[in-house]
């Protein structure tokens, strides 16, 4: 894996938490930050995928507003 060194500013209190967690997991600070960053990006990509899926489903169902969603939920809950 090719790496590049970067400089970032982190509040001291957060850095202390990072170092404590890294020590708990027997990792380096860099390993922990890489893993956290990787997981954050994967999580955001998954949420983006879910939002896109939701938009597709809403379009197929003719849902154009939050009012449409509320109406459908109300109809479902009241058996219509």
C-alpha atoms as a PDB file:
ATOM      1  CA  UNK A   1       0.000   0.000   0.000  1.00  0.00           C
ATOM      2  CA  UNK A   2       1.455   3.319  -1.069  1.00  0.00           C
ATOM      3  CA  UNK A   3       1.019   5.957   1.605  1.00  0.00           C
ATOM      4  CA  UNK A   4       1.334   9.698   1.827  1.00  0.00           C
ATOM      5  CA  UNK A   5       2.043  11.669   4.944  1.00  0.00           C
ATOM      6  CA  UNK A   6      -0.337  14.542   5.728  1.00  0.00           C
ATOM      7  CA  UNK A   7      -0.588  17.097   8.478  1.00  0.00           C
ATOM      8  CA  UNK A   8      -3.916  17.740  10.165  1.00  0.00           C
ATOM      9  CA  UNK A   9      -4.963  19.785  13.160  1.00  0.00           C
ATOM     10  CA  UNK A  10      -6.819  17.932  15.902  1.00  0.00           C
ATOM     11  CA  UNK A  11      -7.896  19.349  19.242  1.00  0.00           C
ATOM     12  CA  UNK A  12      -5.692  18.038  22.036  1.00  0.00           C
ATOM     13  CA  UNK A  13      -8.632  16.436  23.844  1.00  0.00           C
ATOM     14  CA  UNK A  14      -9.567  14.449  20.719  1.00  0.00           C
ATOM     15  CA  UNK A  15      -5.963  13.409  20.124  1.00  0.00           C
ATOM     16  CA  UNK A  16      -5.808  12.083  23.676  1.00  0.00           C
ATOM     17  CA  UNK A  17      -8.901   9.973  22.990  1.00  0.00           C
ATOM     18  CA  UNK A  18      -7.404   8.722  19.723  1.00  0.00           C
ATOM     19  CA  UNK A  19      -4.189   7.745  21.455  1.00  0.00           C
ATOM     20  CA  UNK A  20      -6.048   6.028  24.291  1.00  0.00           C
ATOM     21  CA  UNK A  21      -8.166   4.022  21.834  1.00  0.00           C
ATOM     22  CA  UNK A  22      -5.134   3.132  19.726  1.00  0.00           C
ATOM     23  CA  UNK A  23      -3.349   1.884  22.825  1.00  0.00           C
ATOM     24  CA  UNK A  24      -6.399  -0.145  23.879  1.00  0.00           C
ATOM     25  CA  UNK A  25      -6.431  -1.815  20.457  1.00  0.00           C
ATOM     26  CA  UNK A  26      -2.635  -2.185  20.276  1.00  0.00           C
ATOM     27  CA  UNK A  27      -2.561  -0.083  17.098  1.00  0.00           C
ATOM     28  CA  UNK A  28      -0.624   2.923  16.036  1.00  0.00           C
ATOM     29  CA  UNK A  29      -2.341   6.288  15.883  1.00  0.00           C
ATOM     30  CA  UNK A  30      -2.058   6.178  12.080  1.00  0.00           C
ATOM     31  CA  UNK A  31      -3.621   2.705  11.861  1.00  0.00           C
ATOM     32  CA  UNK A  32      -6.566   3.811  13.982  1.00  0.00           C
ATOM     33  CA  UNK A  33      -7.146   6.994  11.982  1.00  0.00           C
ATOM     34  CA  UNK A  34      -6.908   5.076   8.678  1.00  0.00           C
ATOM     35  CA  UNK A  35      -9.456   2.511   9.899  1.00  0.00           C
ATOM     36  CA  UNK A  36     -11.846   5.147  11.203  1.00  0.00           C
ATOM     37  CA  UNK A  37     -11.584   7.085   7.948  1.00  0.00           C
ATOM     38  CA  UNK A  38     -12.153   3.938   5.878  1.00  0.00           C
ATOM     39  CA  UNK A  39     -15.232   3.017   7.903  1.00  0.00           C
ATOM     40  CA  UNK A  40     -16.617   6.564   7.712  1.00  0.00           C
ATOM     41  CA  UNK A  41     -16.287   6.629   3.926  1.00  0.00           C
ATOM     42  CA  UNK A  42     -17.858   3.161   3.576  1.00  0.00           C
ATOM     43  CA  UNK A  43     -20.721   4.239   5.828  1.00  0.00           C
ATOM     44  CA  UNK A  44     -21.332   7.414   3.827  1.00  0.00           C
ATOM     45  CA  UNK A  45     -21.250   5.461   0.547  1.00  0.00           C
ATOM     46  CA  UNK A  46     -23.790   3.003   1.941  1.00  0.00           C
ATOM     47  CA  UNK A  47     -26.095   5.819   3.067  1.00  0.00           C
ATOM     48  CA  UNK A  48     -25.781   7.460  -0.355  1.00  0.00           C
ATOM     49  CA  UNK A  49     -26.734   4.169  -1.990  1.00  0.00           C
ATOM     50  CA  UNK A  50     -29.751   3.836   0.302  1.00  0.00           C
ATOM     51  CA  UNK A  51     -30.851   7.420  -0.450  1.00  0.00           C
ATOM     52  CA  UNK A  52     -30.603   6.748  -4.194  1.00  0.00           C
ATOM     53  CA  UNK A  53     -32.612   3.542  -3.792  1.00  0.00           C
ATOM     54  CA  UNK A  54     -35.232   5.415  -1.778  1.00  0.00           C
ATOM     55  CA  UNK A  55     -35.524   8.078  -4.472  1.00  0.00           C
ATOM     56  CA  UNK A  56     -36.002   5.382  -7.141  1.00  0.00           C
ATOM     57  CA  UNK A  57     -38.705   3.625  -5.129  1.00  0.00           C
ATOM     58  CA  UNK A  58     -40.436   6.908  -4.339  1.00  0.00           C
ATOM     59  CA  UNK A  59     -40.436   7.844  -8.021  1.00  0.00           C
ATOM     60  CA  UNK A  60     -41.948   4.460  -8.990  1.00  0.00           C
ATOM     61  CA  UNK A  61     -44.631   4.900  -6.316  1.00  0.00           C
ATOM     62  CA  UNK A  62     -45.378   8.478  -7.349  1.00  0.00           C
ATOM     63  CA  UNK A  63     -44.209   9.923  -4.046  1.00  0.00           C
ATOM     64  CA  UNK A  64     -43.272  13.554  -4.551  1.00  0.00           C
ATOM     65  CA  UNK A  65     -43.454  15.061  -1.090  1.00  0.00           C
ATOM     66  CA  UNK A  66     -43.356  14.350   2.612  1.00  0.00           C
ATOM     67  CA  UNK A  67     -47.134  14.770   2.584  1.00  0.00           C
ATOM     68  CA  UNK A  68     -47.361  11.813   0.190  1.00  0.00           C
ATOM     69  CA  UNK A  69     -45.267   9.732   2.608  1.00  0.00           C
ATOM     70  CA  UNK A  70     -47.443  10.738   5.571  1.00  0.00           C
ATOM     71  CA  UNK A  71     -50.595   9.885   3.607  1.00  0.00           C
ATOM     72  CA  UNK A  72     -49.276   6.444   2.654  1.00  0.00           C
ATOM     73  CA  UNK A  73     -48.204   5.701   6.238  1.00  0.00           C
ATOM     74  CA  UNK A  74     -51.616   6.783   7.505  1.00  0.00           C
ATOM     75  CA  UNK A  75     -53.386   4.615   4.921  1.00  0.00           C
ATOM     76  CA  UNK A  76     -51.203   1.629   5.755  1.00  0.00           C
ATOM     77  CA  UNK A  77     -51.753   1.995   9.488  1.00  0.00           C
ATOM     78  CA  UNK A  78     -55.498   2.290   9.071  1.00  0.00           C
ATOM     79  CA  UNK A  79     -55.846  -0.584   6.595  1.00  0.00           C
ATOM     80  CA  UNK A  80     -56.890   1.366   3.524  1.00  0.00           C
END
